């Protein structure tokens, strides 16, 4: 049986090619676009990529949203190849941030309703401001009984 196993190993076909499919994801990129031509150039450059399903351009927010089976770094590189300055979308909705108007998070150039995605320091529970704001909260079971 040793010879039979040897010849069967010679005749088997093994694939060395890895076909790992990229996951479906959404990439948001901040791109400064001034006119319809800029918008069209960015949209055409990104939509011609392999794996792209949808491209949404919002010139008012300077935002490009790409959905599909793509690599975020390749999308950013393709947008930069159009000659535009681009970066990943640095903003999050302000209601997701604990302190939206601290120095690191507040940005005057941010679209309305958004702040920068900065690391937030959570307040200590013994802080006086935190104790006073939660004193009359409906979520606090030990709140004032008059409410």
N, C-alpha and C. Protein backbone atom coordinates (compact mmCIF):
# COMPACT_ATOMS: atom_id res chain seq x y z
N UNK A 1 0.81 -1.19 0.00
CA UNK A 1 0.00 0.00 0.00
C UNK A 1 0.86 1.26 0.00
N UNK A 2 2.11 1.19 0.30
CA UNK A 2 2.95 2.36 0.33
C UNK A 2 3.10 2.99 -1.04
N UNK A 3 3.21 2.17 -2.09
CA UNK A 3 3.35 2.69 -3.45
C UNK A 3 2.06 3.34 -3.91
N UNK A 4 0.93 2.74 -3.55
CA UNK A 4 -0.36 3.29 -3.96
C UNK A 4 -0.59 4.66 -3.33
N UNK A 5 -0.23 4.83 -2.06
CA UNK A 5 -0.35 6.13 -1.41
C UNK A 5 0.58 7.15 -2.05
N UNK A 6 1.76 6.73 -2.41
CA UNK A 6 2.73 7.63 -3.04
C UNK A 6 2.19 8.15 -4.37
N UNK A 7 1.66 7.25 -5.22
CA UNK A 7 1.13 7.66 -6.52
C UNK A 7 -0.15 8.49 -6.39
N UNK A 8 -0.95 8.22 -5.36
CA UNK A 8 -2.17 9.01 -5.18
C UNK A 8 -1.84 10.43 -4.76
N UNK A 9 -0.75 10.59 -3.99
CA UNK A 9 -0.33 11.94 -3.62
C UNK A 9 0.21 12.70 -4.81
N UNK A 10 0.84 12.01 -5.75
CA UNK A 10 1.35 12.67 -6.95
C UNK A 10 0.23 13.13 -7.86
N UNK A 11 -0.86 12.38 -7.90
CA UNK A 11 -1.95 12.67 -8.83
C UNK A 11 -2.98 13.67 -8.29
N UNK A 12 -2.96 13.95 -7.01
CA UNK A 12 -3.94 14.89 -6.46
C UNK A 12 -3.57 16.32 -6.85
N UNK A 13 -4.60 17.09 -7.09
CA UNK A 13 -4.42 18.49 -7.47
C UNK A 13 -4.72 19.35 -6.24
N UNK A 14 -3.74 20.15 -5.87
CA UNK A 14 -3.95 21.05 -4.73
C UNK A 14 -3.88 22.48 -5.24
N UNK A 15 -4.72 23.28 -4.70
CA UNK A 15 -4.77 24.69 -5.09
C UNK A 15 -3.97 25.50 -4.08
N UNK A 16 -2.99 26.24 -4.56
CA UNK A 16 -2.21 27.10 -3.68
C UNK A 16 -2.76 28.52 -3.67
N UNK A 17 -3.72 28.78 -4.49
CA UNK A 17 -4.32 30.11 -4.57
C UNK A 17 -5.32 30.29 -3.44
N UNK A 18 -5.15 31.35 -2.70
CA UNK A 18 -6.07 31.65 -1.61
C UNK A 18 -7.16 32.57 -2.14
N UNK A 19 -8.37 32.12 -2.04
CA UNK A 19 -9.49 32.94 -2.51
C UNK A 19 -10.29 33.43 -1.31
N UNK A 20 -9.67 34.26 -0.52
CA UNK A 20 -10.34 34.82 0.64
C UNK A 20 -11.10 36.06 0.20
N UNK A 21 -12.39 36.01 0.35
CA UNK A 21 -13.23 37.11 -0.08
C UNK A 21 -13.28 38.20 0.99
N UNK A 22 -13.21 39.42 0.55
CA UNK A 22 -13.26 40.55 1.47
C UNK A 22 -14.69 40.69 1.99
N UNK A 23 -14.84 41.14 3.24
CA UNK A 23 -16.19 41.29 3.78
C UNK A 23 -16.88 42.54 3.21
N UNK A 24 -18.19 42.49 3.20
CA UNK A 24 -18.98 43.65 2.78
C UNK A 24 -18.84 44.73 3.83
N UNK A 25 -18.46 45.93 3.41
CA UNK A 25 -18.28 47.01 4.36
C UNK A 25 -18.58 48.35 3.72
N UNK A 26 -18.75 49.34 4.55
CA UNK A 26 -19.01 50.70 4.11
C UNK A 26 -17.85 51.58 4.54
N UNK A 27 -17.32 52.35 3.57
CA UNK A 27 -16.18 53.21 3.82
C UNK A 27 -16.63 54.66 3.61
N UNK A 28 -16.39 55.51 4.61
CA UNK A 28 -16.71 56.93 4.50
C UNK A 28 -15.41 57.70 4.38
N UNK A 29 -15.35 58.59 3.39
CA UNK A 29 -14.14 59.37 3.13
C UNK A 29 -14.51 60.83 3.03
N UNK A 30 -13.68 61.68 3.62
CA UNK A 30 -13.87 63.13 3.54
C UNK A 30 -13.03 63.64 2.38
N UNK A 31 -13.69 64.26 1.39
CA UNK A 31 -13.02 64.79 0.20
C UNK A 31 -13.57 66.17 -0.09
N UNK A 32 -12.70 67.13 -0.28
CA UNK A 32 -13.13 68.49 -0.62
C UNK A 32 -13.46 68.54 -2.10
N UNK A 33 -14.75 68.80 -2.42
CA UNK A 33 -15.21 68.89 -3.80
C UNK A 33 -15.88 70.24 -4.01
N UNK A 34 -15.45 70.96 -5.05
CA UNK A 34 -15.96 72.30 -5.29
C UNK A 34 -17.05 72.36 -6.35
N UNK A 35 -17.00 71.48 -7.34
CA UNK A 35 -17.91 71.60 -8.48
C UNK A 35 -18.44 70.23 -8.89
N UNK A 36 -19.31 70.23 -9.91
CA UNK A 36 -19.86 68.98 -10.42
C UNK A 36 -18.78 68.12 -11.05
N UNK A 37 -17.77 68.74 -11.66
CA UNK A 37 -16.69 67.99 -12.28
C UNK A 37 -15.88 67.22 -11.25
N UNK A 38 -15.59 67.85 -10.11
CA UNK A 38 -14.86 67.18 -9.03
C UNK A 38 -15.68 65.98 -8.52
N UNK A 39 -16.96 66.22 -8.33
CA UNK A 39 -17.84 65.17 -7.84
C UNK A 39 -17.88 63.99 -8.81
N UNK A 40 -18.02 64.28 -10.09
CA UNK A 40 -18.08 63.25 -11.12
C UNK A 40 -16.77 62.47 -11.22
N UNK A 41 -15.63 63.19 -11.11
CA UNK A 41 -14.33 62.54 -11.22
C UNK A 41 -14.10 61.56 -10.07
N UNK A 42 -14.47 61.97 -8.86
CA UNK A 42 -14.31 61.09 -7.69
C UNK A 42 -15.24 59.89 -7.80
N UNK A 43 -16.48 60.14 -8.20
CA UNK A 43 -17.46 59.05 -8.30
C UNK A 43 -17.05 58.03 -9.36
N UNK A 44 -16.58 58.49 -10.51
CA UNK A 44 -16.16 57.58 -11.57
C UNK A 44 -14.92 56.78 -11.17
N UNK A 45 -13.99 57.41 -10.47
CA UNK A 45 -12.77 56.72 -10.06
C UNK A 45 -13.09 55.59 -9.08
N UNK A 46 -14.00 55.83 -8.15
CA UNK A 46 -14.31 54.83 -7.13
C UNK A 46 -15.25 53.76 -7.68
N UNK A 47 -16.21 54.15 -8.49
CA UNK A 47 -17.19 53.17 -8.98
C UNK A 47 -16.58 52.18 -9.96
N UNK A 48 -15.42 52.50 -10.54
CA UNK A 48 -14.77 51.57 -11.46
C UNK A 48 -13.94 50.52 -10.75
N UNK A 49 -13.84 50.59 -9.43
CA UNK A 49 -13.09 49.60 -8.67
C UNK A 49 -13.83 48.28 -8.61
N UNK A 50 -13.08 47.20 -8.51
CA UNK A 50 -13.66 45.87 -8.42
C UNK A 50 -14.25 45.67 -7.02
N UNK A 51 -15.48 45.21 -6.94
CA UNK A 51 -16.13 44.93 -5.66
C UNK A 51 -17.02 46.04 -5.15
N UNK A 52 -17.03 47.20 -5.81
CA UNK A 52 -17.84 48.32 -5.34
C UNK A 52 -19.29 48.10 -5.76
N UNK A 53 -20.21 48.21 -4.80
CA UNK A 53 -21.63 48.06 -5.09
C UNK A 53 -22.32 49.42 -5.24
N UNK A 54 -22.13 50.32 -4.29
CA UNK A 54 -22.77 51.64 -4.37
C UNK A 54 -21.77 52.73 -4.00
N UNK A 55 -21.94 53.89 -4.63
CA UNK A 55 -21.14 55.07 -4.32
C UNK A 55 -22.11 56.23 -4.13
N UNK A 56 -22.06 56.86 -2.97
CA UNK A 56 -22.92 58.01 -2.68
C UNK A 56 -22.00 59.19 -2.38
N UNK A 57 -22.19 60.27 -3.15
CA UNK A 57 -21.37 61.47 -2.99
C UNK A 57 -22.25 62.57 -2.43
N UNK A 58 -21.83 63.16 -1.32
CA UNK A 58 -22.54 64.28 -0.71
C UNK A 58 -21.58 65.46 -0.71
N UNK A 59 -21.72 66.34 -1.71
CA UNK A 59 -20.80 67.45 -1.85
C UNK A 59 -20.95 68.48 -0.74
N UNK A 60 -22.15 68.63 -0.21
CA UNK A 60 -22.38 69.60 0.85
C UNK A 60 -21.59 69.24 2.12
N UNK A 61 -21.51 67.95 2.44
CA UNK A 61 -20.76 67.50 3.60
C UNK A 61 -19.31 67.15 3.25
N UNK A 62 -18.94 67.18 1.97
CA UNK A 62 -17.62 66.74 1.50
C UNK A 62 -17.39 65.29 1.89
N UNK A 63 -18.38 64.46 1.59
CA UNK A 63 -18.36 63.06 2.04
C UNK A 63 -18.65 62.12 0.89
N UNK A 64 -17.87 61.04 0.80
CA UNK A 64 -18.09 59.97 -0.18
C UNK A 64 -18.29 58.69 0.60
N UNK A 65 -19.40 57.99 0.36
CA UNK A 65 -19.70 56.74 1.03
C UNK A 65 -19.67 55.63 0.00
N UNK A 66 -18.80 54.64 0.23
CA UNK A 66 -18.62 53.53 -0.70
C UNK A 66 -19.00 52.25 0.03
N UNK A 67 -19.88 51.45 -0.60
CA UNK A 67 -20.27 50.16 -0.03
C UNK A 67 -19.89 49.06 -1.00
N UNK A 68 -19.42 47.95 -0.45
CA UNK A 68 -19.07 46.83 -1.30
C UNK A 68 -18.00 45.96 -0.66
N UNK A 69 -17.47 45.04 -1.45
CA UNK A 69 -16.43 44.14 -1.01
C UNK A 69 -15.08 44.76 -1.36
N UNK A 70 -14.70 45.80 -0.62
CA UNK A 70 -13.51 46.58 -0.93
C UNK A 70 -12.61 46.71 0.29
N UNK A 71 -11.36 47.08 0.03
CA UNK A 71 -10.40 47.38 1.08
C UNK A 71 -10.43 48.90 1.29
N UNK A 72 -10.64 49.37 2.51
CA UNK A 72 -10.74 50.82 2.76
C UNK A 72 -9.50 51.60 2.33
N UNK A 73 -8.32 51.02 2.52
CA UNK A 73 -7.10 51.73 2.13
C UNK A 73 -6.99 51.88 0.62
N UNK A 74 -7.46 50.89 -0.13
CA UNK A 74 -7.43 50.99 -1.60
C UNK A 74 -8.43 52.03 -2.10
N UNK A 75 -9.56 52.14 -1.42
CA UNK A 75 -10.54 53.17 -1.80
C UNK A 75 -9.96 54.55 -1.55
N UNK A 76 -9.32 54.74 -0.40
CA UNK A 76 -8.70 56.03 -0.08
C UNK A 76 -7.60 56.36 -1.09
N UNK A 77 -6.82 55.37 -1.46
CA UNK A 77 -5.75 55.58 -2.44
C UNK A 77 -6.32 55.96 -3.80
N UNK A 78 -7.42 55.34 -4.20
CA UNK A 78 -8.05 55.64 -5.48
C UNK A 78 -8.61 57.05 -5.49
N UNK A 79 -9.20 57.49 -4.38
CA UNK A 79 -9.72 58.86 -4.30
C UNK A 79 -8.57 59.86 -4.36
N UNK A 80 -7.48 59.56 -3.68
CA UNK A 80 -6.33 60.46 -3.71
C UNK A 80 -5.70 60.53 -5.10
N UNK A 81 -5.86 59.48 -5.90
CA UNK A 81 -5.29 59.49 -7.25
C UNK A 81 -5.99 60.48 -8.17
N UNK A 82 -7.16 60.98 -7.78
CA UNK A 82 -7.86 61.99 -8.57
C UNK A 82 -7.27 63.37 -8.37
N UNK A 83 -6.33 63.51 -7.45
CA UNK A 83 -5.71 64.80 -7.18
C UNK A 83 -6.36 65.55 -6.03
N UNK A 84 -7.33 64.94 -5.40
CA UNK A 84 -8.03 65.57 -4.27
C UNK A 84 -7.39 65.12 -2.95
N UNK A 85 -7.43 66.02 -1.99
CA UNK A 85 -6.96 65.67 -0.65
C UNK A 85 -8.08 64.90 0.04
N UNK A 86 -7.77 63.72 0.54
CA UNK A 86 -8.80 62.86 1.13
C UNK A 86 -8.28 62.22 2.40
N UNK A 87 -9.23 61.92 3.28
CA UNK A 87 -8.94 61.22 4.52
C UNK A 87 -10.18 60.44 4.92
N UNK A 88 -10.01 59.47 5.83
CA UNK A 88 -11.17 58.75 6.32
C UNK A 88 -12.06 59.71 7.09
N UNK A 89 -13.35 59.44 7.10
CA UNK A 89 -14.34 60.32 7.73
C UNK A 89 -14.06 60.41 9.23
N UNK A 90 -13.64 61.58 9.72
CA UNK A 90 -13.22 61.69 11.12
C UNK A 90 -14.33 62.04 12.10
N UNK A 91 -15.58 62.12 11.65
CA UNK A 91 -16.65 62.63 12.49
C UNK A 91 -17.63 61.52 12.89
N UNK A 92 -18.24 61.70 14.04
CA UNK A 92 -19.30 60.83 14.52
C UNK A 92 -20.47 61.72 14.95
N UNK A 93 -21.70 61.19 14.98
CA UNK A 93 -22.82 62.01 15.46
C UNK A 93 -22.58 62.45 16.91
N UNK A 94 -22.95 63.69 17.20
CA UNK A 94 -22.63 64.25 18.51
C UNK A 94 -23.38 63.56 19.65
N UNK A 95 -24.49 62.91 19.37
CA UNK A 95 -25.21 62.25 20.45
C UNK A 95 -24.56 60.93 20.87
N UNK A 96 -23.54 60.47 20.14
CA UNK A 96 -22.81 59.26 20.53
C UNK A 96 -21.61 59.57 21.41
N UNK A 97 -21.28 60.85 21.54
CA UNK A 97 -20.11 61.26 22.31
C UNK A 97 -20.57 61.78 23.67
N UNK A 98 -19.86 61.38 24.72
CA UNK A 98 -20.27 61.75 26.07
C UNK A 98 -20.15 63.25 26.29
N UNK A 99 -19.01 63.84 25.93
CA UNK A 99 -18.81 65.28 26.03
C UNK A 99 -18.53 65.82 24.63
N UNK A 100 -19.55 66.26 23.88
CA UNK A 100 -19.31 66.66 22.49
C UNK A 100 -18.58 67.99 22.31
N UNK A 101 -18.51 68.81 23.34
CA UNK A 101 -17.91 70.13 23.15
C UNK A 101 -16.61 70.32 23.91
N UNK A 102 -15.88 69.24 24.16
CA UNK A 102 -14.54 69.37 24.73
C UNK A 102 -13.59 69.80 23.62
N UNK A 103 -12.43 70.24 24.00
CA UNK A 103 -11.48 70.83 23.07
C UNK A 103 -11.11 69.87 21.93
N UNK A 104 -10.91 68.59 22.21
CA UNK A 104 -10.47 67.65 21.19
C UNK A 104 -11.58 67.26 20.22
N UNK A 105 -12.83 67.28 20.67
CA UNK A 105 -13.93 66.78 19.86
C UNK A 105 -14.62 67.88 19.04
N UNK A 106 -14.71 69.08 19.57
CA UNK A 106 -15.45 70.13 18.89
C UNK A 106 -14.65 70.66 17.70
N UNK A 107 -15.30 70.75 16.56
CA UNK A 107 -14.66 71.23 15.34
C UNK A 107 -15.64 72.13 14.60
N UNK A 108 -15.24 73.36 14.32
CA UNK A 108 -16.13 74.31 13.63
C UNK A 108 -16.39 73.89 12.19
N UNK A 109 -15.46 73.14 11.58
CA UNK A 109 -15.60 72.73 10.19
C UNK A 109 -16.45 71.47 10.03
N UNK A 110 -16.83 70.85 11.12
CA UNK A 110 -17.62 69.62 11.06
C UNK A 110 -19.03 69.94 10.56
N UNK A 111 -19.65 69.02 9.82
CA UNK A 111 -21.04 69.22 9.41
C UNK A 111 -21.94 69.30 10.64
N UNK A 112 -23.11 69.88 10.47
CA UNK A 112 -24.00 70.04 11.62
C UNK A 112 -24.42 68.67 12.15
N UNK A 113 -24.38 68.54 13.46
CA UNK A 113 -24.75 67.28 14.09
C UNK A 113 -23.59 66.32 14.27
N UNK A 114 -22.39 66.71 13.88
CA UNK A 114 -21.22 65.83 13.98
C UNK A 114 -20.12 66.51 14.79
N UNK A 115 -19.31 65.70 15.47
CA UNK A 115 -18.11 66.15 16.15
C UNK A 115 -17.00 65.16 15.81
N UNK A 116 -15.75 65.56 16.08
CA UNK A 116 -14.62 64.68 15.79
C UNK A 116 -14.68 63.44 16.68
N UNK A 117 -14.16 62.36 16.16
CA UNK A 117 -14.10 61.11 16.91
C UNK A 117 -12.85 61.14 17.78
N UNK A 118 -12.94 61.75 18.94
CA UNK A 118 -11.81 61.88 19.85
C UNK A 118 -12.02 60.97 21.05
N UNK A 119 -10.93 60.57 21.66
CA UNK A 119 -11.03 59.75 22.86
C UNK A 119 -11.67 60.57 23.97
N UNK A 120 -12.65 60.01 24.60
CA UNK A 120 -13.39 60.71 25.63
C UNK A 120 -13.03 60.16 27.00
N UNK A 121 -12.81 61.04 27.92
CA UNK A 121 -12.56 60.63 29.30
C UNK A 121 -13.90 60.60 30.02
N UNK A 122 -14.24 59.48 30.59
CA UNK A 122 -15.50 59.37 31.32
C UNK A 122 -15.34 60.05 32.68
N UNK A 123 -16.36 60.73 33.14
CA UNK A 123 -16.25 61.41 34.42
C UNK A 123 -16.25 60.41 35.57
N UNK A 124 -15.62 60.78 36.64
CA UNK A 124 -15.63 59.90 37.81
C UNK A 124 -17.00 60.00 38.48
N UNK A 125 -17.51 58.93 39.00
CA UNK A 125 -18.84 58.97 39.62
C UNK A 125 -18.90 59.88 40.83
N UNK A 126 -17.76 60.17 41.43
CA UNK A 126 -17.77 61.03 42.61
C UNK A 126 -17.67 62.51 42.25
N UNK A 127 -17.61 62.85 40.97
CA UNK A 127 -17.54 64.25 40.57
C UNK A 127 -18.84 64.95 40.94
N UNK A 128 -18.73 66.19 41.39
CA UNK A 128 -19.92 66.91 41.86
C UNK A 128 -20.88 67.21 40.71
N UNK A 129 -20.36 67.53 39.53
CA UNK A 129 -21.25 67.81 38.40
C UNK A 129 -22.07 66.59 38.04
N UNK A 130 -21.43 65.44 38.05
CA UNK A 130 -22.12 64.20 37.70
C UNK A 130 -23.17 63.85 38.75
N UNK A 131 -22.86 64.05 40.01
CA UNK A 131 -23.83 63.74 41.07
C UNK A 131 -25.04 64.65 40.98
N UNK A 132 -24.83 65.93 40.66
CA UNK A 132 -25.95 66.86 40.60
C UNK A 132 -26.84 66.60 39.40
N UNK A 133 -26.26 66.18 38.27
CA UNK A 133 -27.09 65.93 37.09
C UNK A 133 -27.89 64.66 37.22
N UNK A 134 -27.38 63.67 37.94
CA UNK A 134 -28.13 62.42 38.10
C UNK A 134 -29.01 62.42 39.35
N UNK A 135 -28.97 63.49 40.13
CA UNK A 135 -29.76 63.55 41.36
C UNK A 135 -31.25 63.48 41.07
N UNK A 136 -31.71 64.18 40.04
CA UNK A 136 -33.13 64.21 39.70
C UNK A 136 -33.41 63.46 38.41
N UNK A 137 -32.67 62.42 38.13
CA UNK A 137 -32.84 61.65 36.91
C UNK A 137 -33.92 60.59 37.09
N UNK A 138 -34.65 60.31 36.02
CA UNK A 138 -35.64 59.25 36.06
C UNK A 138 -34.98 57.87 36.07
N UNK A 139 -33.75 57.78 35.59
CA UNK A 139 -33.05 56.52 35.58
C UNK A 139 -32.48 56.16 36.95
N UNK A 140 -32.39 57.14 37.83
CA UNK A 140 -31.82 56.91 39.14
C UNK A 140 -32.94 56.43 40.10
N UNK A 141 -32.86 55.21 40.62
CA UNK A 141 -33.93 54.73 41.49
C UNK A 141 -33.95 55.44 42.84
N UNK A 142 -32.84 56.07 43.23
CA UNK A 142 -32.77 56.79 44.49
C UNK A 142 -32.98 58.29 44.32
N UNK A 143 -33.58 58.69 43.21
CA UNK A 143 -33.81 60.11 42.94
C UNK A 143 -34.90 60.64 43.88
N UNK A 144 -35.07 61.93 43.81
CA UNK A 144 -36.03 62.62 44.66
C UNK A 144 -37.43 62.03 44.47
N UNK A 145 -38.12 61.78 45.54
CA UNK A 145 -39.44 61.16 45.45
C UNK A 145 -40.52 62.16 45.05
N UNK A 146 -40.23 63.44 45.06
CA UNK A 146 -41.21 64.46 44.67
C UNK A 146 -41.48 64.36 43.18
N UNK A 147 -40.45 64.02 42.41
CA UNK A 147 -40.64 63.89 40.96
C UNK A 147 -41.56 62.75 40.70
